[in-house]
Amino acid sequence: NVLSIGLDNLILMVMANGKYIVKSGTDFRSLSKINLQFTKDLKEQTIQEVNVTSQIKEDPILKSILKEYSDTMERESDKQLVILSELVDARINMLWRAETGLGSWLCDVVLSATAADLVLLNAGMLKANRVFPAGPFTQQHLAALLPIDRGIVVLNVTGQTVLEMLENAVSSYPELDGRFGLVAGVRFSFNPRARAGHRVSPDQVRVGAARLELHRYYKLATRVYLHRGHDDYTMLREAPIFEEDAGFCFTLQMIVQSYFETLQKISNHWLKFFHLKTPLLQHHLCPFEETGLIMLSPKTDKRINPCDEERTSTEL
C-alpha cells in the first residue's frame, strides 16, 4: 500500500495505481510520518511530512548516547587528507550531466590503482551536493562525498559493450541523471540531438590512444552496482570478472584512501618522479612551493564531448 524510497534528494508524496509513493528528503532535514491502521484489511493510511527543526525537543538520553559516538567520529573526521588548491564543485547539477574535474580525477585514481584499460563510474554515487572550498580536505569531506562503501570490480568486456555503456551514460543528457558516466582511459564525442541509444559513433571513441575496436576485449574497472545492471547498465550484467581479480573486490574508499596516503608521503622533491609513475594523475596535482606539500586541483580534459555535429576521428 505504501512504497517508501530511501537515499532521496526530493520530498514527494504521490498516489500511483492506488498506492502511495513516499520520498522523504535527504541529510536528516526532513522525515515522513506514516500511519497505517489495520483491521482485516488496511482501513486508513495517512502520511505527514515532518521537517526537522529546532522546534522538535531533544531526547536527553539519546543525545547523551549520540554524543559519545559523535565525539569519537569528530576527532577522526577532522583528519586532513589533502589540501585543495581551489574550490571543487560537487553539486548534482554539475556532476550529473557534464564532465567535471572531480569525476575525472576520481576515475583516474581508479584507473591507476586497477591497471584497467578504462573506468566507468556513475555520477549518482557522489552524494555531497556541495562545493568544497580551497584548503584542507578532511575525512569528513570524503565521507560526505562517498557515504557508502562502494565495491569496484574489473571486468572483461568487448568494444561493443563499451559502446553500449557509453550510450547509456549519455542517454539522458542534458537532463540530470545519476547514470551519467564518469570515465577514464576513454575519450568520446556524442550527439545530444540524436535519440537515446544512437548518440555515440564507434569512430568517435578512443580507448587510450587507439580507436575503439568493437570485437576486441578490454579491461573495464567499474562499480559492482553497475556490474549488476543498475542505472540501466544491463549490458554489463553478463560480463565476466577479469581472471586475475576474481575473488577480490576493491572498494572505492580503499582506493582513494591509499591514494591520499601516498600523496602525504611524497614531498615536492619527489613530485616529478610521482608524475612519471602515474602520468594520468599529473594534471590534477600541483606543489605548494612554500612547504613542498602537494595540493589537489582536479581538472577536466575534454574526455566527454557533447557536439551537435560529429567531429572527425582526427579531432578526438
C-alpha atoms as a PDB file:
ATOM      1  CA  ASN A   1       0.000   0.000   0.000  1.00  0.00           C
ATOM      2  CA  VAL A   2       2.932   2.371   0.663  1.00  0.00           C
ATOM      3  CA  LEU A   3       6.296   2.454  -1.094  1.00  0.00           C
ATOM      4  CA  SER A   4       8.919   4.396   0.884  1.00  0.00           C
ATOM      5  CA  ILE A   5      12.095   5.133  -1.069  1.00  0.00           C
ATOM      6  CA  GLY A   6      15.464   5.815   0.556  1.00  0.00           C
ATOM      7  CA  LEU A   7      18.508   7.881  -0.490  1.00  0.00           C
ATOM      8  CA  ASP A   8      16.216  10.604  -1.817  1.00  0.00           C
ATOM      9  CA  ASN A   9      17.070  14.119  -2.880  1.00  0.00           C
ATOM     10  CA  LEU A  10      13.391  15.077  -3.102  1.00  0.00           C
ATOM     11  CA  ILE A  11      10.373  15.318  -0.813  1.00  0.00           C
ATOM     12  CA  LEU A  12       7.454  13.705  -2.615  1.00  0.00           C
ATOM     13  CA  MET A  13       4.117  12.086  -1.736  1.00  0.00           C
ATOM     14  CA  VAL A  14       2.034  10.903  -4.692  1.00  0.00           C
ATOM     15  CA  MET A  15      -0.636   8.306  -5.407  1.00  0.00           C
ATOM     16  CA  ALA A  16       0.062   5.944  -8.320  1.00  0.00           C
ATOM     17  CA  ASN A  17      -2.181   2.997  -9.227  1.00  0.00           C
ATOM     18  CA  GLY A  18      -3.843   3.219  -5.828  1.00  0.00           C
ATOM     19  CA  LYS A  19      -0.530   3.097  -3.943  1.00  0.00           C
ATOM     20  CA  TYR A  20       1.338   5.834  -2.103  1.00  0.00           C
ATOM     21  CA  ILE A  21       4.917   6.597  -3.159  1.00  0.00           C
ATOM     22  CA  VAL A  22       6.850   8.482  -0.471  1.00  0.00           C
ATOM     23  CA  LYS A  23      10.219  10.211  -0.744  1.00  0.00           C
ATOM     24  CA  SER A  24      11.397  11.788   2.488  1.00  0.00           C
ATOM     25  CA  GLY A  25      14.259  14.087   1.511  1.00  0.00           C
ATOM     26  CA  THR A  26      17.900  13.785   2.488  1.00  0.00           C
ATOM     27  CA  ASP A  27      20.545  14.556   5.128  1.00  0.00           C
ATOM     28  CA  PHE A  28      18.055  14.297   8.037  1.00  0.00           C
ATOM     29  CA  ARG A  29      16.446  17.619   7.128  1.00  0.00           C
ATOM     30  CA  SER A  30      13.026  16.010   6.931  1.00  0.00           C
ATOM     31  CA  LEU A  31      11.236  12.719   7.511  1.00  0.00           C
ATOM     32  CA  SER A  32       7.840  11.210   6.793  1.00  0.00           C
ATOM     33  CA  LYS A  33       5.428  10.082   9.496  1.00  0.00           C
ATOM     34  CA  ILE A  34       3.350   7.223   8.069  1.00  0.00           C
ATOM     35  CA  ASN A  35       0.316   5.947   9.999  1.00  0.00           C
ATOM     36  CA  LEU A  36      -1.367   2.721   8.886  1.00  0.00           C
ATOM     37  CA  GLN A  37      -4.484   1.422  10.636  1.00  0.00           C
ATOM     38  CA  PHE A  38      -5.359  -2.225  10.040  1.00  0.00           C
ATOM     39  CA  THR A  39      -8.428  -4.291  10.761  1.00  0.00           C
ATOM     40  CA  LYS A  40      -8.841  -7.249   8.426  1.00  0.00           C
ATOM     41  CA  ASP A  41      -7.751  -5.086   5.542  1.00  0.00           C
ATOM     42  CA  LEU A  42      -5.983  -1.763   5.512  1.00  0.00           C
ATOM     43  CA  LYS A  43      -8.586   0.663   6.801  1.00  0.00           C
ATOM     44  CA  GLU A  44      -6.833   4.011   6.891  1.00  0.00           C
ATOM     45  CA  GLN A  45      -3.498   5.488   5.916  1.00  0.00           C
ATOM     46  CA  THR A  46      -2.114   8.976   6.465  1.00  0.00           C
ATOM     47  CA  ILE A  47       1.238  10.416   5.513  1.00  0.00           C
ATOM     48  CA  GLN A  48       2.622  13.574   7.064  1.00  0.00           C
ATOM     49  CA  GLU A  49       5.759  15.486   6.130  1.00  0.00           C
ATOM     50  CA  VAL A  50       7.795  16.378   9.220  1.00  0.00           C
ATOM     51  CA  ASN A  51      10.568  18.961   8.916  1.00  0.00           C
ATOM     52  CA  VAL A  52      13.413  18.534  11.375  1.00  0.00           C
ATOM     53  CA  THR A  53      13.759  21.947  13.042  1.00  0.00           C
ATOM     54  CA  SER A  54      14.766  23.394  16.409  1.00  0.00           C
ATOM     55  CA  GLN A  55      11.111  23.243  17.481  1.00  0.00           C
ATOM     56  CA  ILE A  56      11.406  19.473  17.946  1.00  0.00           C
ATOM     57  CA  LYS A  57      12.544  18.731  21.503  1.00  0.00           C
ATOM     58  CA  GLU A  58      15.737  16.769  22.034  1.00  0.00           C
ATOM     59  CA  ASP A  59      15.674  13.426  23.795  1.00  0.00           C
ATOM     60  CA  PRO A  60      18.314  13.776  26.586  1.00  0.00           C
ATOM     61  CA  ILE A  61      19.074  10.036  26.820  1.00  0.00           C
ATOM     62  CA  LEU A  62      19.539   9.615  23.097  1.00  0.00           C
ATOM     63  CA  LYS A  63      21.543  12.852  22.944  1.00  0.00           C
ATOM     64  CA  SER A  64      23.987  11.504  25.547  1.00  0.00           C
ATOM     65  CA  ILE A  65      24.463   8.251  23.629  1.00  0.00           C
ATOM     66  CA  LEU A  66      24.952  10.052  20.340  1.00  0.00           C
ATOM     67  CA  LYS A  67      27.477  12.470  21.860  1.00  0.00           C
ATOM     68  CA  GLU A  68      29.763   9.605  22.842  1.00  0.00           C
ATOM     69  CA  TYR A  69      29.870   8.374  19.273  1.00  0.00           C
ATOM     70  CA  SER A  70      29.906  11.796  17.635  1.00  0.00           C
ATOM     71  CA  ASP A  71      32.919  12.931  19.705  1.00  0.00           C
ATOM     72  CA  THR A  72      34.887   9.913  18.506  1.00  0.00           C
ATOM     73  CA  MET A  73      33.799  10.419  14.922  1.00  0.00           C
ATOM     74  CA  GLU A  74      34.552  14.130  15.049  1.00  0.00           C
ATOM     75  CA  ARG A  75      38.150  13.510  16.089  1.00  0.00           C
ATOM     76  CA  GLU A  76      38.605  11.092  13.200  1.00  0.00           C
ATOM     77  CA  SER A  77      36.649  13.176  10.704  1.00  0.00           C
ATOM     78  CA  ASP A  78      38.852  16.241  11.247  1.00  0.00           C
ATOM     79  CA  LYS A  79      41.868  14.344   9.922  1.00  0.00           C
ATOM     80  CA  GLN A  80      43.295  16.173   6.907  1.00  0.00           C
ATOM     81  CA  LEU A  81      43.707  14.035   3.782  1.00  0.00           C
ATOM     82  CA  VAL A  82      44.924  16.598   1.262  1.00  0.00           C
ATOM     83  CA  ILE A  83      44.877  20.321   0.518  1.00  0.00           C
ATOM     84  CA  LEU A  84      42.681  21.603  -2.309  1.00  0.00           C
ATOM     85  CA  SER A  85      44.348  24.388  -4.289  1.00  0.00           C
ATOM     86  CA  GLU A  86      40.954  25.680  -5.457  1.00  0.00           C
ATOM     87  CA  LEU A  87      37.285  25.010  -4.798  1.00  0.00           C
ATOM     88  CA  VAL A  88      35.887  21.686  -6.039  1.00  0.00           C
ATOM     89  CA  ASP A  89      32.292  21.666  -7.266  1.00  0.00           C
ATOM     90  CA  ALA A  90      30.442  18.502  -6.197  1.00  0.00           C
ATOM     91  CA  ARG A  91      26.930  19.787  -6.826  1.00  0.00           C
ATOM     92  CA  ILE A  92      24.490  17.435  -8.514  1.00  0.00           C
ATOM     93  CA  ASN A  93      23.539  19.971 -11.182  1.00  0.00           C
ATOM     94  CA  MET A  94      27.148  19.787 -12.404  1.00  0.00           C
ATOM     95  CA  LEU A  95      28.142  16.173 -11.775  1.00  0.00           C
ATOM     96  CA  TRP A  96      25.019  14.527 -13.170  1.00  0.00           C
ATOM     97  CA  ARG A  97      25.228  15.909 -16.713  1.00  0.00           C
ATOM     98  CA  ALA A  98      28.759  17.060 -17.551  1.00  0.00           C
ATOM     99  CA  GLU A  99      32.396  16.127 -17.253  1.00  0.00           C
ATOM    100  CA  THR A 100      33.848  17.627 -14.070  1.00  0.00           C
ATOM    101  CA  GLY A 101      37.303  17.819 -12.585  1.00  0.00           C
ATOM    102  CA  LEU A 102      36.153  15.849  -9.554  1.00  0.00           C
ATOM    103  CA  GLY A 103      34.717  12.997 -11.630  1.00  0.00           C
ATOM    104  CA  SER A 104      37.730  12.835 -13.937  1.00  0.00           C
ATOM    105  CA  TRP A 105      40.206  12.816 -11.045  1.00  0.00           C
ATOM    106  CA  LEU A 106      38.308  10.098  -9.199  1.00  0.00           C
ATOM    107  CA  CYS A 107      38.232   7.871 -12.283  1.00  0.00           C
ATOM    108  CA  ASP A 108      41.935   8.492 -12.944  1.00  0.00           C
ATOM    109  CA  VAL A 109      42.714   7.315  -9.403  1.00  0.00           C
ATOM    110  CA  VAL A 110      40.747   4.101 -10.021  1.00  0.00           C
ATOM    111  CA  LEU A 111      42.437   3.600 -13.399  1.00  0.00           C
ATOM    112  CA  SER A 112      45.874   3.911 -11.827  1.00  0.00           C
ATOM    113  CA  ALA A 113      45.022   1.561  -8.946  1.00  0.00           C
ATOM    114  CA  THR A 114      43.448  -1.193 -11.057  1.00  0.00           C
ATOM    115  CA  ALA A 115      45.651  -1.042 -14.185  1.00  0.00           C
ATOM    116  CA  ALA A 116      42.469  -1.340 -16.256  1.00  0.00           C
ATOM    117  CA  ASP A 117      42.123  -0.077 -19.819  1.00  0.00           C
ATOM    118  CA  LEU A 118      39.233   2.175 -18.898  1.00  0.00           C
ATOM    119  CA  VAL A 119      36.978   3.142 -15.986  1.00  0.00           C
ATOM    120  CA  LEU A 120      33.248   3.807 -15.767  1.00  0.00           C
ATOM    121  CA  LEU A 121      31.554   5.143 -12.632  1.00  0.00           C
ATOM    122  CA  ASN A 122      28.094   6.681 -12.310  1.00  0.00           C
ATOM    123  CA  ALA A 123      27.718  10.279 -11.166  1.00  0.00           C
ATOM    124  CA  GLY A 124      24.814   9.330  -8.899  1.00  0.00           C
ATOM    125  CA  MET A 125      27.168   7.696  -6.406  1.00  0.00           C
ATOM    126  CA  LEU A 126      28.531  11.119  -5.378  1.00  0.00           C
ATOM    127  CA  LYS A 127      26.162  12.435  -2.706  1.00  0.00           C
ATOM    128  CA  ALA A 128      27.744  15.559  -1.203  1.00  0.00           C
ATOM    129  CA  ASN A 129      25.813  18.051  -3.386  1.00  0.00           C
ATOM    130  CA  ARG A 130      28.001  20.935  -2.239  1.00  0.00           C
ATOM    131  CA  VAL A 131      31.086  22.946  -3.094  1.00  0.00           C
ATOM    132  CA  PHE A 132      34.274  22.043  -1.228  1.00  0.00           C
ATOM    133  CA  PRO A 133      36.298  25.239  -0.618  1.00  0.00           C
ATOM    134  CA  ALA A 134      40.005  25.593  -1.242  1.00  0.00           C
ATOM    135  CA  GLY A 135      42.024  24.439   1.755  1.00  0.00           C
ATOM    136  CA  PRO A 136      42.084  21.265   3.864  1.00  0.00           C
ATOM    137  CA  PHE A 137      40.036  18.338   2.546  1.00  0.00           C
ATOM    138  CA  THR A 138      39.247  16.106   5.519  1.00  0.00           C
ATOM    139  CA  GLN A 139      37.957  12.645   6.279  1.00  0.00           C
ATOM    140  CA  GLN A 140      34.580  14.249   6.942  1.00  0.00           C
ATOM    141  CA  HIS A 141      34.543  15.734   3.442  1.00  0.00           C
ATOM    142  CA  LEU A 142      35.369  12.352   1.916  1.00  0.00           C
ATOM    143  CA  ALA A 143      32.581  10.699   3.910  1.00  0.00           C
ATOM    144  CA  ALA A 144      30.128  13.310   2.619  1.00  0.00           C
ATOM    145  CA  LEU A 145      31.261  12.684  -0.943  1.00  0.00           C
ATOM    146  CA  LEU A 146      31.298   8.871  -0.685  1.00  0.00           C
ATOM    147  CA  PRO A 147      29.000   7.976   2.239  1.00  0.00           C
ATOM    148  CA  ILE A 148      28.616   4.313   1.270  1.00  0.00           C
ATOM    149  CA  ASP A 149      31.399   1.785   0.737  1.00  0.00           C
ATOM    150  CA  ARG A 150      31.347   1.072  -2.978  1.00  0.00           C
ATOM    151  CA  GLY A 151      32.863  -2.076  -4.422  1.00  0.00           C
ATOM    152  CA  ILE A 152      34.987  -1.853  -7.568  1.00  0.00           C
ATOM    153  CA  VAL A 153      35.383  -4.790  -9.934  1.00  0.00           C
ATOM    154  CA  VAL A 154      37.454  -5.301 -13.102  1.00  0.00           C
ATOM    155  CA  LEU A 155      35.510  -6.845 -15.991  1.00  0.00           C
ATOM    156  CA  ASN A 156      36.462  -8.331 -19.342  1.00  0.00           C
ATOM    157  CA  VAL A 157      34.262  -6.549 -21.903  1.00  0.00           C
ATOM    158  CA  THR A 158      34.109  -6.236 -25.675  1.00  0.00           C
ATOM    159  CA  GLY A 159      34.332  -2.973 -27.554  1.00  0.00           C
ATOM    160  CA  GLN A 160      30.654  -3.409 -28.423  1.00  0.00           C
ATOM    161  CA  THR A 161      29.830  -3.483 -24.703  1.00  0.00           C
ATOM    162  CA  VAL A 162      31.940  -0.356 -24.190  1.00  0.00           C
ATOM    163  CA  LEU A 163      29.951   1.398 -26.918  1.00  0.00           C
ATOM    164  CA  GLU A 164      26.624   0.357 -25.370  1.00  0.00           C
ATOM    165  CA  MET A 165      27.623   1.508 -21.882  1.00  0.00           C
ATOM    166  CA  LEU A 166      28.746   4.909 -23.224  1.00  0.00           C
ATOM    167  CA  GLU A 167      25.395   5.227 -24.990  1.00  0.00           C
ATOM    168  CA  ASN A 168      23.632   4.623 -21.681  1.00  0.00           C
ATOM    169  CA  ALA A 169      25.983   7.021 -19.885  1.00  0.00           C
ATOM    170  CA  VAL A 170      24.786   9.964 -22.005  1.00  0.00           C
ATOM    171  CA  SER A 171      21.276   8.749 -22.858  1.00  0.00           C
ATOM    172  CA  SER A 172      19.529  11.279 -20.576  1.00  0.00           C
ATOM    173  CA  TYR A 173      21.718  14.282 -21.422  1.00  0.00           C
ATOM    174  CA  PRO A 174      21.102  17.186 -20.787  1.00  0.00           C
ATOM    175  CA  GLU A 175      18.675  16.091 -18.061  1.00  0.00           C
ATOM    176  CA  LEU A 176      20.067  15.444 -14.580  1.00  0.00           C
ATOM    177  CA  ASP A 177      20.508  11.686 -14.206  1.00  0.00           C
ATOM    178  CA  GLY A 178      22.633   9.649 -11.812  1.00  0.00           C
ATOM    179  CA  ARG A 179      23.545   7.258 -14.642  1.00  0.00           C
ATOM    180  CA  PHE A 180      25.682   9.953 -16.302  1.00  0.00           C
ATOM    181  CA  GLY A 181      29.103   8.448 -16.844  1.00  0.00           C
ATOM    182  CA  LEU A 182      32.349   9.409 -15.154  1.00  0.00           C
ATOM    183  CA  VAL A 183      35.179   7.915 -17.197  1.00  0.00           C
ATOM    184  CA  ALA A 184      38.936   7.484 -17.501  1.00  0.00           C
ATOM    185  CA  GLY A 185      41.068   5.826 -20.159  1.00  0.00           C
ATOM    186  CA  VAL A 186      38.428   6.635 -22.763  1.00  0.00           C
ATOM    187  CA  ARG A 187      37.587   9.783 -24.703  1.00  0.00           C
ATOM    188  CA  PHE A 188      34.474  10.215 -26.833  1.00  0.00           C
ATOM    189  CA  SER A 189      32.091  12.628 -28.520  1.00  0.00           C
ATOM    190  CA  PHE A 190      28.328  12.263 -28.693  1.00  0.00           C
ATOM    191  CA  ASN A 191      25.446  13.972 -30.462  1.00  0.00           C
ATOM    192  CA  PRO A 192      22.908  15.138 -27.845  1.00  0.00           C
ATOM    193  CA  ARG A 193      20.306  15.829 -30.552  1.00  0.00           C
ATOM    194  CA  ALA A 194      20.238  12.205 -31.667  1.00  0.00           C
ATOM    195  CA  ARG A 195      17.793   9.860 -29.988  1.00  0.00           C
ATOM    196  CA  ALA A 196      18.992   7.912 -26.963  1.00  0.00           C
ATOM    197  CA  GLY A 197      20.903   4.794 -27.980  1.00  0.00           C
ATOM    198  CA  HIS A 198      22.185   6.405 -31.181  1.00  0.00           C
ATOM    199  CA  ARG A 199      24.295   9.254 -29.835  1.00  0.00           C
ATOM    200  CA  VAL A 200      27.774   7.713 -29.862  1.00  0.00           C
ATOM    201  CA  SER A 201      29.537   6.589 -33.039  1.00  0.00           C
ATOM    202  CA  PRO A 202      32.314   3.953 -32.699  1.00  0.00           C
ATOM    203  CA  ASP A 203      34.751   6.093 -34.688  1.00  0.00           C
ATOM    204  CA  GLN A 204      34.283   8.871 -32.127  1.00  0.00           C
ATOM    205  CA  VAL A 205      35.585   6.724 -29.252  1.00  0.00           C
ATOM    206  CA  ARG A 206      39.220   6.337 -28.202  1.00  0.00           C
ATOM    207  CA  VAL A 207      40.427   3.865 -25.592  1.00  0.00           C
ATOM    208  CA  GLY A 208      43.876   5.047 -24.649  1.00  0.00           C
ATOM    209  CA  ALA A 209      45.351   6.381 -27.885  1.00  0.00           C
ATOM    210  CA  ALA A 210      43.620   3.903 -30.198  1.00  0.00           C
ATOM    211  CA  ARG A 211      40.237   3.827 -31.867  1.00  0.00           C
ATOM    212  CA  LEU A 212      37.648   1.580 -30.216  1.00  0.00           C
ATOM    213  CA  GLU A 213      37.561  -1.919 -31.750  1.00  0.00           C
ATOM    214  CA  LEU A 214      34.135  -3.494 -31.331  1.00  0.00           C
ATOM    215  CA  HIS A 215      35.382  -7.106 -31.268  1.00  0.00           C
ATOM    216  CA  ARG A 216      38.418  -6.546 -29.061  1.00  0.00           C
ATOM    217  CA  TYR A 217      38.342  -7.236 -25.311  1.00  0.00           C
ATOM    218  CA  TYR A 218      39.129  -4.515 -22.773  1.00  0.00           C
ATOM    219  CA  LYS A 219      39.649  -4.439 -19.007  1.00  0.00           C
ATOM    220  CA  LEU A 220      36.920  -2.259 -17.512  1.00  0.00           C
ATOM    221  CA  ALA A 221      37.031  -1.082 -13.887  1.00  0.00           C
ATOM    222  CA  THR A 222      33.553  -0.216 -12.656  1.00  0.00           C
ATOM    223  CA  ARG A 223      31.271  -0.454  -9.639  1.00  0.00           C
ATOM    224  CA  VAL A 224      29.763  -3.753  -8.549  1.00  0.00           C
ATOM    225  CA  TYR A 225      26.491  -1.805  -8.588  1.00  0.00           C
ATOM    226  CA  LEU A 226      26.802  -1.210 -12.337  1.00  0.00           C
ATOM    227  CA  HIS A 227      28.001  -4.766 -12.973  1.00  0.00           C
ATOM    228  CA  ARG A 228      24.637  -5.868 -11.569  1.00  0.00           C
ATOM    229  CA  GLY A 229      22.873  -3.820 -14.246  1.00  0.00           C
ATOM    230  CA  HIS A 230      21.623  -0.918 -12.147  1.00  0.00           C
ATOM    231  CA  ASP A 231      21.037   2.510 -13.703  1.00  0.00           C
ATOM    232  CA  ASP A 232      20.200   0.617 -16.924  1.00  0.00           C
ATOM    233  CA  TYR A 233      23.765  -0.626 -17.407  1.00  0.00           C
ATOM    234  CA  THR A 234      22.250  -4.006 -18.277  1.00  0.00           C
ATOM    235  CA  MET A 235      24.954  -4.669 -20.882  1.00  0.00           C
ATOM    236  CA  LEU A 236      27.429  -5.248 -18.016  1.00  0.00           C
ATOM    237  CA  ARG A 237      25.459  -7.989 -16.238  1.00  0.00           C
ATOM    238  CA  GLU A 238      26.963 -10.911 -18.146  1.00  0.00           C
ATOM    239  CA  ALA A 239      30.494  -9.512 -18.384  1.00  0.00           C
ATOM    240  CA  PRO A 240      32.975 -11.886 -16.692  1.00  0.00           C
ATOM    241  CA  ILE A 241      35.242 -10.660 -13.922  1.00  0.00           C
ATOM    242  CA  PHE A 242      38.828 -10.396 -15.115  1.00  0.00           C
ATOM    243  CA  GLU A 243      40.520 -13.633 -14.096  1.00  0.00           C
ATOM    244  CA  GLU A 244      43.357 -12.081 -12.086  1.00  0.00           C
ATOM    245  CA  ASP A 245      40.847 -10.147  -9.967  1.00  0.00           C
ATOM    246  CA  ALA A 246      38.366 -12.981  -9.397  1.00  0.00           C
ATOM    247  CA  GLY A 247      37.594 -13.410  -5.714  1.00  0.00           C
ATOM    248  CA  PHE A 248      38.897  -9.964  -4.756  1.00  0.00           C
ATOM    249  CA  CYS A 249      36.963  -6.725  -4.696  1.00  0.00           C
ATOM    250  CA  PHE A 250      38.456  -3.277  -4.210  1.00  0.00           C
ATOM    251  CA  THR A 251      36.340  -0.571  -2.652  1.00  0.00           C
ATOM    252  CA  LEU A 252      36.397   2.978  -3.923  1.00  0.00           C
ATOM    253  CA  GLN A 253      37.097   4.294  -0.428  1.00  0.00           C
ATOM    254  CA  MET A 254      40.060   1.914  -0.123  1.00  0.00           C
ATOM    255  CA  ILE A 255      41.496   3.151  -3.416  1.00  0.00           C
ATOM    256  CA  VAL A 256      41.043   6.847  -2.595  1.00  0.00           C
ATOM    257  CA  GLN A 257      42.421   6.482   0.947  1.00  0.00           C
ATOM    258  CA  SER A 258      45.507   4.711  -0.400  1.00  0.00           C
ATOM    259  CA  TYR A 259      45.992   7.487  -2.933  1.00  0.00           C
ATOM    260  CA  PHE A 260      45.846  10.193  -0.259  1.00  0.00           C
ATOM    261  CA  GLU A 261      48.260   8.261   1.965  1.00  0.00           C
ATOM    262  CA  THR A 262      50.709   8.103  -0.934  1.00  0.00           C
ATOM    263  CA  LEU A 263      50.438  11.854  -1.505  1.00  0.00           C
ATOM    264  CA  GLN A 264      51.168  12.556   2.151  1.00  0.00           C
ATOM    265  CA  LYS A 265      54.433  10.617   1.879  1.00  0.00           C
ATOM    266  CA  ILE A 266      55.650  12.452  -1.213  1.00  0.00           C
ATOM    267  CA  SER A 267      57.336  15.831  -0.943  1.00  0.00           C
ATOM    268  CA  ASN A 268      57.809  18.418  -3.670  1.00  0.00           C
ATOM    269  CA  HIS A 269      61.242  16.879  -4.324  1.00  0.00           C
ATOM    270  CA  TRP A 270      59.619  13.625  -5.426  1.00  0.00           C
ATOM    271  CA  LEU A 271      56.682  15.108  -7.327  1.00  0.00           C
ATOM    272  CA  LYS A 272      58.357  14.739 -10.726  1.00  0.00           C
ATOM    273  CA  PHE A 273      59.060  11.049 -10.077  1.00  0.00           C
ATOM    274  CA  PHE A 274      55.476  10.526  -8.924  1.00  0.00           C
ATOM    275  CA  HIS A 275      54.234  12.059 -12.185  1.00  0.00           C
ATOM    276  CA  LEU A 276      56.394   9.682 -14.197  1.00  0.00           C
ATOM    277  CA  LYS A 277      54.921   6.735 -12.310  1.00  0.00           C
ATOM    278  CA  THR A 278      51.317   7.971 -12.608  1.00  0.00           C
ATOM    279  CA  PRO A 279      51.135  10.280 -15.656  1.00  0.00           C
ATOM    280  CA  LEU A 280      47.324  10.131 -15.758  1.00  0.00           C
ATOM    281  CA  LEU A 281      47.166  11.946 -12.416  1.00  0.00           C
ATOM    282  CA  GLN A 282      49.763  14.598 -13.227  1.00  0.00           C
ATOM    283  CA  HIS A 283      47.413  17.373 -14.282  1.00  0.00           C
ATOM    284  CA  HIS A 284      45.354  17.001 -11.072  1.00  0.00           C
ATOM    285  CA  LEU A 285      48.296  17.895  -8.783  1.00  0.00           C
ATOM    286  CA  CYS A 286      50.369  20.962  -8.041  1.00  0.00           C
ATOM    287  CA  PRO A 287      53.100  21.651  -5.439  1.00  0.00           C
ATOM    288  CA  PHE A 288      52.796  24.365  -2.814  1.00  0.00           C
ATOM    289  CA  GLU A 289      56.225  25.937  -3.169  1.00  0.00           C
ATOM    290  CA  GLU A 290      56.495  27.331   0.377  1.00  0.00           C
ATOM    291  CA  THR A 291      56.043  23.989   2.142  1.00  0.00           C
ATOM    292  CA  GLY A 292      56.656  21.377  -0.538  1.00  0.00           C
ATOM    293  CA  LEU A 293      53.219  19.872   0.100  1.00  0.00           C
ATOM    294  CA  ILE A 294      51.339  18.520  -2.881  1.00  0.00           C
ATOM    295  CA  MET A 295      47.911  20.044  -3.437  1.00  0.00           C
ATOM    296  CA  LEU A 296      44.987  18.565  -5.321  1.00  0.00           C
ATOM    297  CA  SER A 297      43.488  20.546  -8.192  1.00  0.00           C
ATOM    298  CA  PRO A 298      41.084  18.321 -10.188  1.00  0.00           C
ATOM    299  CA  LYS A 299      40.905  19.255 -13.868  1.00  0.00           C
ATOM    300  CA  THR A 300      38.788  18.339 -16.877  1.00  0.00           C
ATOM    301  CA  ASP A 301      40.431  17.368 -20.166  1.00  0.00           C
ATOM    302  CA  LYS A 302      37.538  17.071 -22.639  1.00  0.00           C
ATOM    303  CA  ARG A 303      37.178  13.310 -22.380  1.00  0.00           C
ATOM    304  CA  ILE A 304      33.366  13.621 -22.753  1.00  0.00           C
ATOM    305  CA  ASN A 305      32.376  15.929 -25.594  1.00  0.00           C
ATOM    306  CA  PRO A 306      28.768  16.831 -26.476  1.00  0.00           C
ATOM    307  CA  CYS A 307      28.626  18.191 -30.020  1.00  0.00           C
ATOM    308  CA  ASP A 308      25.758  18.727 -32.461  1.00  0.00           C
ATOM    309  CA  GLU A 309      27.812  17.719 -35.460  1.00  0.00           C
ATOM    310  CA  GLU A 310      30.080  14.694 -35.400  1.00  0.00           C
ATOM    311  CA  ARG A 311      33.744  15.526 -35.220  1.00  0.00           C
ATOM    312  CA  THR A 312      36.231  13.782 -37.429  1.00  0.00           C
ATOM    313  CA  SER A 313      38.221  10.981 -35.842  1.00  0.00           C
ATOM    314  CA  THR A 314      41.428  13.024 -36.057  1.00  0.00           C
ATOM    315  CA  GLU A 315      39.927  15.678 -33.780  1.00  0.00           C
ATOM    316  CA  LEU A 316      39.499  13.300 -30.856  1.00  0.00           C
END
